[in-house]
């Protein structure tokens, strides 16, 4: 299947990376300049995606850590509440 990248203004709206126009050309027929530009664009986009993924992973790590902290606090509160009520329950029994 031929590679086709096209844009009216020559810029990818999602990534702001220059788009390379390759129409109906097999990989062997892609001009070297276009191939290098496409390769550079792919590398740049991969770096952006990697940074974005790393940033999201950091955010998720913080959220998970905070969630674990909340759970620990809730379990402590439940334990403390049960310990407070243990004495009256023993006297009732």
Protein backbone atom coordinates (compact mmCIF):
# COMPACT_ATOMS: atom_id res chain seq x y z
CA UNK A 1 0.00 0.00 0.00
CA UNK A 2 1.49 3.38 -0.95
CA UNK A 3 2.31 5.92 1.72
CA UNK A 4 0.16 9.05 1.46
CA UNK A 5 0.60 12.07 3.69
CA UNK A 6 -1.16 15.20 2.60
CA UNK A 7 -2.21 18.55 3.97
CA UNK A 8 -3.44 21.73 2.37
CA UNK A 9 -0.98 23.91 4.26
CA UNK A 10 1.76 21.26 4.48
CA UNK A 11 1.50 20.99 8.28
CA UNK A 12 -0.06 18.20 10.32
CA UNK A 13 -2.86 19.81 12.35
CA UNK A 14 -2.36 17.45 15.32
CA UNK A 15 1.41 17.57 15.66
CA UNK A 16 2.38 20.80 13.87
CA UNK A 17 5.05 18.73 12.12
CA UNK A 18 5.66 19.33 8.44
CA UNK A 19 3.85 16.78 6.35
CA UNK A 20 5.58 14.95 3.57
CA UNK A 21 3.59 14.33 0.44
CA UNK A 22 4.19 10.90 -1.02
CA UNK A 23 1.60 9.74 -3.49
CA UNK A 24 1.42 6.39 -5.21
CA UNK A 25 5.06 5.61 -4.61
CA UNK A 26 6.48 2.38 -3.32
CA UNK A 27 9.17 2.50 -0.64
CA UNK A 28 11.83 2.00 -3.32
CA UNK A 29 10.56 5.02 -5.30
CA UNK A 30 10.50 7.54 -2.42
CA UNK A 31 12.99 10.32 -3.14
CA UNK A 32 15.83 10.44 -0.61
CA UNK A 33 14.99 14.01 0.50
CA UNK A 34 11.37 13.11 1.19
CA UNK A 35 12.42 9.93 2.95
CA UNK A 36 14.85 11.80 5.22
CA UNK A 37 12.23 14.44 5.98
CA UNK A 38 9.66 11.75 6.75
CA UNK A 39 12.15 9.89 8.96
CA UNK A 40 13.04 13.10 10.82
CA UNK A 41 9.34 13.87 11.31
CA UNK A 42 8.71 10.37 12.66
CA UNK A 43 11.64 10.61 15.07
CA UNK A 44 10.45 14.00 16.32
CA UNK A 45 6.92 12.70 16.79
CA UNK A 46 8.19 9.61 18.61
CA UNK A 47 10.16 11.80 21.02
CA UNK A 48 7.05 13.92 21.70
CA UNK A 49 4.96 10.81 22.30
CA UNK A 50 7.58 9.31 24.62
CA UNK A 51 7.74 12.53 26.68
CA UNK A 52 3.95 12.64 26.81
CA UNK A 53 3.76 9.01 27.97
CA UNK A 54 6.43 9.61 30.61
CA UNK A 55 4.56 12.68 31.85
CA UNK A 56 1.27 10.76 32.04
CA UNK A 57 3.03 7.90 33.87
CA UNK A 58 4.38 10.37 36.43
CA UNK A 59 0.88 11.80 36.92
CA UNK A 60 -0.58 8.31 37.32
CA UNK A 61 2.15 7.41 39.79
CA UNK A 62 1.31 10.45 41.89
CA UNK A 63 -2.41 9.65 41.78
CA UNK A 64 -1.78 6.01 42.74
CA UNK A 65 0.51 7.07 45.60
CA UNK A 66 -2.11 9.49 46.87
CA UNK A 67 -4.79 6.80 46.58
CA UNK A 68 -2.66 4.36 48.56
CA UNK A 69 -2.12 7.05 51.21
CA UNK A 70 -5.86 7.63 51.46
CA UNK A 71 -6.50 3.90 51.80
CA UNK A 72 -3.86 3.61 54.52
CA UNK A 73 -5.47 6.50 56.40
CA UNK A 74 -8.92 4.92 56.03
CA UNK A 75 -7.70 1.57 57.34
CA UNK A 76 -6.01 3.29 60.29
CA UNK A 77 -9.23 5.16 61.05
CA UNK A 78 -11.25 1.94 60.87
CA UNK A 79 -8.73 0.13 63.10
CA UNK A 80 -8.79 3.00 65.61
CA UNK A 81 -12.59 3.05 65.61
CA UNK A 82 -12.75 -0.70 66.18
CA UNK A 83 -10.25 -0.44 69.02
CA UNK A 84 -12.33 2.33 70.62
CA UNK A 85 -15.47 0.19 70.49
CA UNK A 86 -13.78 -3.02 71.62
CA UNK A 87 -13.94 -2.14 75.32
CA UNK A 88 -17.67 -1.24 75.39
CA UNK A 89 -18.52 -4.39 73.41
CA UNK A 90 -16.67 -6.58 75.91
CA UNK A 91 -18.53 -4.96 78.81
CA UNK A 92 -21.85 -5.51 77.04
CA UNK A 93 -21.11 -9.21 76.45
